[in-house]
Amino acid sequence: MDEERKDIILKEIRYWKANQLLPDQYCNFLLMLYSEGEEADEMEDNTPSLSPSPHNFGVVLTLLLAAAAALILTFIVIYFTSFSLLLQTLSHLILAAFVFAMAFYARRRRDHILFHILISAGALLLFIGSTTTVMRFEENNILLHLTILLHCSVWLLAGFYWKLTYLKWAGAAGIILAVLFSAAS
């Protein structure tokens, strides 16, 4: 293979790796293959360190504190304010959307543990907000049970779609408990 063609291919593979168009393992393999082993030294120097940097720790801490603040604010809005039902519902939705946005930001940063914590916090915010809204809207147990079943069904489907085991378990357990309690009522 002539050098000019090989350089074009190597530049393209580096572009794919930098823009995450292919997984790193594939790009590393292709780089090794086309460079005939010359890229191995460069790849070892560019591997990220497993120890968290202070900047990374600060971002993680900020996101966790923001999620905790959203949960605390939800409880404050529910129990310690006299906001109208519409304003409470809107605040729950905004806080949950904020936490889910942080979760997808964490996923983009490839911080999987933080992603799962934030997804759980967002699901909890939506659950608390919607059940509280339903209970204040109408003291109808059937509507409350349907809301719980809806949430747990969404958790179960999201767990299967994104392969998140904890959402599968939470959804299945919630559906079983909701059915049992609605049958007992």
C-alpha atoms as a PDB file:
ATOM      1  CA  MET A   1       0.000   0.000   0.000  1.00  0.00           C
ATOM      2  CA  ASP A   2       1.454   3.371  -0.918  1.00  0.00           C
ATOM      3  CA  GLU A   3       2.228   5.855   1.879  1.00  0.00           C
ATOM      4  CA  GLU A   4      -0.210   8.566   0.776  1.00  0.00           C
ATOM      5  CA  ARG A   5      -3.151   6.179   0.806  1.00  0.00           C
ATOM      6  CA  LYS A   6      -2.079   4.760   4.182  1.00  0.00           C
ATOM      7  CA  ASP A   7      -1.849   8.280   5.658  1.00  0.00           C
ATOM      8  CA  ILE A   8      -5.366   9.101   4.429  1.00  0.00           C
ATOM      9  CA  ILE A   9      -6.745   5.935   6.015  1.00  0.00           C
ATOM     10  CA  LEU A  10      -4.924   6.606   9.311  1.00  0.00           C
ATOM     11  CA  LYS A  11      -6.216  10.199   9.418  1.00  0.00           C
ATOM     12  CA  GLU A  12      -9.737   8.948   8.811  1.00  0.00           C
ATOM     13  CA  ILE A  13      -9.494   6.358  11.605  1.00  0.00           C
ATOM     14  CA  ARG A  14      -8.117   9.001  13.997  1.00  0.00           C
ATOM     15  CA  TYR A  15     -11.062  11.233  13.045  1.00  0.00           C
ATOM     16  CA  TRP A  16     -13.489   8.374  13.780  1.00  0.00           C
ATOM     17  CA  LYS A  17     -11.835   7.816  17.146  1.00  0.00           C
ATOM     18  CA  ALA A  18     -11.782  11.506  18.090  1.00  0.00           C
ATOM     19  CA  ASN A  19     -15.463  11.953  17.181  1.00  0.00           C
ATOM     20  CA  GLN A  20     -16.472   8.592  18.664  1.00  0.00           C
ATOM     21  CA  LEU A  21     -17.919   7.316  15.396  1.00  0.00           C
ATOM     22  CA  LEU A  22     -16.585   3.853  16.229  1.00  0.00           C
ATOM     23  CA  PRO A  23     -15.735   2.328  19.616  1.00  0.00           C
ATOM     24  CA  ASP A  24     -12.165   2.922  20.795  1.00  0.00           C
ATOM     25  CA  GLN A  25     -11.289  -0.776  20.590  1.00  0.00           C
ATOM     26  CA  TYR A  26     -12.172  -0.913  16.890  1.00  0.00           C
ATOM     27  CA  CYS A  27     -10.256   2.257  16.130  1.00  0.00           C
ATOM     28  CA  ASN A  28      -7.220   1.047  18.069  1.00  0.00           C
ATOM     29  CA  PHE A  29      -7.306  -2.235  16.179  1.00  0.00           C
ATOM     30  CA  LEU A  30      -7.568  -0.483  12.824  1.00  0.00           C
ATOM     31  CA  LEU A  31      -4.804   1.950  13.735  1.00  0.00           C
ATOM     32  CA  MET A  32      -2.536  -0.926  14.718  1.00  0.00           C
ATOM     33  CA  LEU A  33      -3.403  -2.787  11.534  1.00  0.00           C
ATOM     34  CA  TYR A  34      -2.822   0.061   9.112  1.00  0.00           C
ATOM     35  CA  SER A  35       0.183   1.557  10.882  1.00  0.00           C
ATOM     36  CA  GLU A  36       1.771  -1.874  11.216  1.00  0.00           C
ATOM     37  CA  GLY A  37       2.266  -1.417  14.963  1.00  0.00           C
ATOM     38  CA  GLU A  38       3.696   2.122  14.869  1.00  0.00           C
ATOM     39  CA  GLU A  39       0.589   3.614  16.529  1.00  0.00           C
ATOM     40  CA  ALA A  40       0.916   1.367  19.612  1.00  0.00           C
ATOM     41  CA  ASP A  41       3.253   3.735  21.463  1.00  0.00           C
ATOM     42  CA  GLU A  42       1.046   6.756  20.759  1.00  0.00           C
ATOM     43  CA  MET A  43      -2.104   4.934  21.929  1.00  0.00           C
ATOM     44  CA  GLU A  44      -0.503   3.953  25.245  1.00  0.00           C
ATOM     45  CA  ASP A  45       0.419   7.582  25.903  1.00  0.00           C
ATOM     46  CA  ASN A  46      -3.128   8.771  25.144  1.00  0.00           C
ATOM     47  CA  THR A  47      -5.008   6.297  27.333  1.00  0.00           C
ATOM     48  CA  PRO A  48      -7.003   8.094  29.990  1.00  0.00           C
ATOM     49  CA  SER A  49      -6.022   7.702  33.588  1.00  0.00           C
ATOM     50  CA  LEU A  50      -8.348   5.716  35.826  1.00  0.00           C
ATOM     51  CA  SER A  51      -7.874   8.088  38.729  1.00  0.00           C
ATOM     52  CA  PRO A  52     -10.433  10.900  38.730  1.00  0.00           C
ATOM     53  CA  SER A  53      -9.128  14.355  38.054  1.00  0.00           C
ATOM     54  CA  PRO A  54     -10.085  17.193  40.410  1.00  0.00           C
ATOM     55  CA  HIS A  55     -12.112  18.778  37.603  1.00  0.00           C
ATOM     56  CA  ASN A  56     -14.046  15.537  37.060  1.00  0.00           C
ATOM     57  CA  PHE A  57     -14.705  15.188  40.789  1.00  0.00           C
ATOM     58  CA  GLY A  58     -16.053  18.735  40.921  1.00  0.00           C
ATOM     59  CA  VAL A  59     -18.485  18.091  38.072  1.00  0.00           C
ATOM     60  CA  VAL A  60     -19.712  14.845  39.634  1.00  0.00           C
ATOM     61  CA  LEU A  61     -20.159  16.476  43.031  1.00  0.00           C
ATOM     62  CA  THR A  62     -22.022  19.412  41.489  1.00  0.00           C
ATOM     63  CA  LEU A  63     -24.414  17.124  39.609  1.00  0.00           C
ATOM     64  CA  LEU A  64     -25.071  15.005  42.705  1.00  0.00           C
ATOM     65  CA  LEU A  65     -25.714  18.079  44.843  1.00  0.00           C
ATOM     66  CA  ALA A  66     -28.069  19.487  42.205  1.00  0.00           C
ATOM     67  CA  ALA A  67     -30.023  16.215  42.125  1.00  0.00           C
ATOM     68  CA  ALA A  68     -30.219  16.165  45.927  1.00  0.00           C
ATOM     69  CA  ALA A  69     -31.371  19.781  45.899  1.00  0.00           C
ATOM     70  CA  ALA A  70     -34.080  18.896  43.371  1.00  0.00           C
ATOM     71  CA  LEU A  71     -35.346  16.100  45.618  1.00  0.00           C
ATOM     72  CA  ILE A  72     -35.303  18.343  48.695  1.00  0.00           C
ATOM     73  CA  LEU A  73     -37.031  21.135  46.788  1.00  0.00           C
ATOM     74  CA  THR A  74     -39.726  18.706  45.702  1.00  0.00           C
ATOM     75  CA  PHE A  75     -40.474  17.797  49.310  1.00  0.00           C
ATOM     76  CA  ILE A  76     -40.482  21.462  50.294  1.00  0.00           C
ATOM     77  CA  VAL A  77     -42.928  22.309  47.509  1.00  0.00           C
ATOM     78  CA  ILE A  78     -45.190  19.390  48.481  1.00  0.00           C
ATOM     79  CA  TYR A  79     -45.276  19.773  52.252  1.00  0.00           C
ATOM     80  CA  PHE A  80     -44.266  23.313  53.183  1.00  0.00           C
ATOM     81  CA  THR A  81     -45.761  25.616  50.574  1.00  0.00           C
ATOM     82  CA  SER A  82     -49.268  26.591  49.630  1.00  0.00           C
ATOM     83  CA  PHE A  83     -48.651  26.625  45.892  1.00  0.00           C
ATOM     84  CA  SER A  84     -51.566  25.826  43.648  1.00  0.00           C
ATOM     85  CA  LEU A  85     -51.845  22.328  42.225  1.00  0.00           C
ATOM     86  CA  LEU A  86     -50.837  23.549  38.778  1.00  0.00           C
ATOM     87  CA  LEU A  87     -47.724  25.298  40.092  1.00  0.00           C
ATOM     88  CA  GLN A  88     -46.716  22.234  42.126  1.00  0.00           C
ATOM     89  CA  THR A  89     -47.145  19.955  39.128  1.00  0.00           C
ATOM     90  CA  LEU A  90     -45.168  22.321  36.935  1.00  0.00           C
ATOM     91  CA  SER A  91     -42.351  22.491  39.497  1.00  0.00           C
ATOM     92  CA  HIS A  92     -42.185  18.676  39.674  1.00  0.00           C
ATOM     93  CA  LEU A  93     -41.986  18.416  35.906  1.00  0.00           C
ATOM     94  CA  ILE A  94     -39.294  21.087  35.607  1.00  0.00           C
ATOM     95  CA  LEU A  95     -37.181  19.557  38.375  1.00  0.00           C
ATOM     96  CA  ALA A  96     -37.503  16.065  36.873  1.00  0.00           C
ATOM     97  CA  ALA A  97     -36.593  17.359  33.405  1.00  0.00           C
ATOM     98  CA  PHE A  98     -33.563  19.100  34.936  1.00  0.00           C
ATOM     99  CA  VAL A  99     -32.404  15.884  36.618  1.00  0.00           C
ATOM    100  CA  PHE A 100     -32.947  13.831  33.442  1.00  0.00           C
ATOM    101  CA  ALA A 101     -30.965  16.413  31.450  1.00  0.00           C
ATOM    102  CA  MET A 102     -28.129  16.065  33.961  1.00  0.00           C
ATOM    103  CA  ALA A 103     -28.353  12.266  33.593  1.00  0.00           C
ATOM    104  CA  PHE A 104     -27.959  12.411  29.839  1.00  0.00           C
ATOM    105  CA  TYR A 105     -25.091  14.864  30.266  1.00  0.00           C
ATOM    106  CA  ALA A 106     -23.428  12.320  32.577  1.00  0.00           C
ATOM    107  CA  ARG A 107     -24.039   9.600  30.005  1.00  0.00           C
ATOM    108  CA  ARG A 108     -22.415  11.714  27.302  1.00  0.00           C
ATOM    109  CA  ARG A 109     -19.417  12.151  29.610  1.00  0.00           C
ATOM    110  CA  ARG A 110     -19.401   8.351  30.007  1.00  0.00           C
ATOM    111  CA  ASP A 111     -19.878   8.542  33.748  1.00  0.00           C
ATOM    112  CA  HIS A 112     -22.104   5.493  34.054  1.00  0.00           C
ATOM    113  CA  ILE A 113     -22.520   5.406  37.824  1.00  0.00           C
ATOM    114  CA  LEU A 114     -23.579   9.048  37.952  1.00  0.00           C
ATOM    115  CA  PHE A 115     -25.941   8.424  35.023  1.00  0.00           C
ATOM    116  CA  HIS A 116     -27.703   5.634  36.911  1.00  0.00           C
ATOM    117  CA  ILE A 117     -27.960   7.676  40.113  1.00  0.00           C
ATOM    118  CA  LEU A 118     -29.468  10.610  38.229  1.00  0.00           C
ATOM    119  CA  ILE A 119     -31.908   8.414  36.271  1.00  0.00           C
ATOM    120  CA  SER A 120     -33.090   6.928  39.577  1.00  0.00           C
ATOM    121  CA  ALA A 121     -33.476  10.389  41.116  1.00  0.00           C
ATOM    122  CA  GLY A 122     -35.423  11.647  38.086  1.00  0.00           C
ATOM    123  CA  ALA A 123     -37.743   8.640  38.123  1.00  0.00           C
ATOM    124  CA  LEU A 124     -38.315   9.151  41.839  1.00  0.00           C
ATOM    125  CA  LEU A 125     -39.087  12.851  41.293  1.00  0.00           C
ATOM    126  CA  LEU A 126     -41.666  12.045  38.618  1.00  0.00           C
ATOM    127  CA  PHE A 127     -43.213   9.345  40.788  1.00  0.00           C
ATOM    128  CA  ILE A 128     -43.483  11.539  43.881  1.00  0.00           C
ATOM    129  CA  GLY A 129     -44.758  14.498  41.899  1.00  0.00           C
ATOM    130  CA  SER A 130     -47.416  12.628  39.958  1.00  0.00           C
ATOM    131  CA  THR A 131     -48.739  10.617  42.898  1.00  0.00           C
ATOM    132  CA  THR A 132     -48.913  13.756  45.033  1.00  0.00           C
ATOM    133  CA  THR A 133     -50.734  15.584  42.262  1.00  0.00           C
ATOM    134  CA  VAL A 134     -53.228  12.750  41.840  1.00  0.00           C
ATOM    135  CA  MET A 135     -53.856  12.532  45.591  1.00  0.00           C
ATOM    136  CA  ARG A 136     -54.496  16.284  45.845  1.00  0.00           C
ATOM    137  CA  PHE A 137     -56.539  16.393  42.682  1.00  0.00           C
ATOM    138  CA  GLU A 138     -58.946  13.697  43.749  1.00  0.00           C
ATOM    139  CA  GLU A 139     -58.962  11.297  46.638  1.00  0.00           C
ATOM    140  CA  ASN A 140     -59.725   8.396  44.333  1.00  0.00           C
ATOM    141  CA  ASN A 141     -57.709   5.277  45.053  1.00  0.00           C
ATOM    142  CA  ILE A 142     -58.372   3.850  41.593  1.00  0.00           C
ATOM    143  CA  LEU A 143     -56.768   6.860  39.926  1.00  0.00           C
ATOM    144  CA  LEU A 144     -53.804   6.644  42.303  1.00  0.00           C
ATOM    145  CA  HIS A 145     -53.344   2.925  41.584  1.00  0.00           C
ATOM    146  CA  LEU A 146     -53.524   3.598  37.841  1.00  0.00           C
ATOM    147  CA  THR A 147     -50.882   6.315  38.182  1.00  0.00           C
ATOM    148  CA  ILE A 148     -48.593   3.959  40.089  1.00  0.00           C
ATOM    149  CA  LEU A 149     -49.180   1.208  37.512  1.00  0.00           C
ATOM    150  CA  LEU A 150     -48.400   3.639  34.709  1.00  0.00           C
ATOM    151  CA  HIS A 151     -45.126   4.730  36.336  1.00  0.00           C
ATOM    152  CA  CYS A 152     -44.047   1.185  37.075  1.00  0.00           C
ATOM    153  CA  SER A 153     -44.915   0.092  33.537  1.00  0.00           C
ATOM    154  CA  VAL A 154     -42.815   2.904  32.109  1.00  0.00           C
ATOM    155  CA  TRP A 155     -39.947   1.907  34.415  1.00  0.00           C
ATOM    156  CA  LEU A 156     -40.246  -1.698  33.281  1.00  0.00           C
ATOM    157  CA  LEU A 157     -40.299  -0.764  29.589  1.00  0.00           C
ATOM    158  CA  ALA A 158     -37.402   1.676  30.023  1.00  0.00           C
ATOM    159  CA  GLY A 159     -35.469  -1.016  31.861  1.00  0.00           C
ATOM    160  CA  PHE A 160     -35.901  -3.427  28.962  1.00  0.00           C
ATOM    161  CA  TYR A 161     -35.223  -0.751  26.340  1.00  0.00           C
ATOM    162  CA  TRP A 162     -32.018   0.602  27.916  1.00  0.00           C
ATOM    163  CA  LYS A 163     -31.086  -2.697  29.610  1.00  0.00           C
ATOM    164  CA  LEU A 164     -31.179  -1.168  33.096  1.00  0.00           C
ATOM    165  CA  THR A 165     -31.731  -3.981  35.580  1.00  0.00           C
ATOM    166  CA  TYR A 166     -32.745  -1.769  38.498  1.00  0.00           C
ATOM    167  CA  LEU A 167     -35.571  -0.223  36.461  1.00  0.00           C
ATOM    168  CA  LYS A 168     -36.797  -3.688  35.454  1.00  0.00           C
ATOM    169  CA  TRP A 169     -36.878  -4.802  39.096  1.00  0.00           C
ATOM    170  CA  ALA A 170     -38.446  -1.583  40.371  1.00  0.00           C
ATOM    171  CA  GLY A 171     -41.084  -1.652  37.642  1.00  0.00           C
ATOM    172  CA  ALA A 172     -41.973  -5.305  38.145  1.00  0.00           C
ATOM    173  CA  ALA A 173     -42.077  -4.990  41.951  1.00  0.00           C
ATOM    174  CA  GLY A 174     -44.177  -1.830  41.716  1.00  0.00           C
ATOM    175  CA  ILE A 175     -46.671  -3.453  39.358  1.00  0.00           C
ATOM    176  CA  ILE A 176     -47.017  -6.482  41.611  1.00  0.00           C
ATOM    177  CA  LEU A 177     -47.440  -4.352  44.736  1.00  0.00           C
ATOM    178  CA  ALA A 178     -49.919  -2.001  43.032  1.00  0.00           C
ATOM    179  CA  VAL A 179     -52.024  -4.920  41.837  1.00  0.00           C
ATOM    180  CA  LEU A 180     -51.949  -6.553  45.280  1.00  0.00           C
ATOM    181  CA  PHE A 181     -52.910  -3.337  47.087  1.00  0.00           C
ATOM    182  CA  SER A 182     -55.628  -2.452  44.600  1.00  0.00           C
ATOM    183  CA  ALA A 183     -57.094  -5.941  44.990  1.00  0.00           C
ATOM    184  CA  ALA A 184     -57.008  -5.557  48.773  1.00  0.00           C
ATOM    185  CA  SER A 185     -58.773  -2.148  48.667  1.00  0.00           C
END
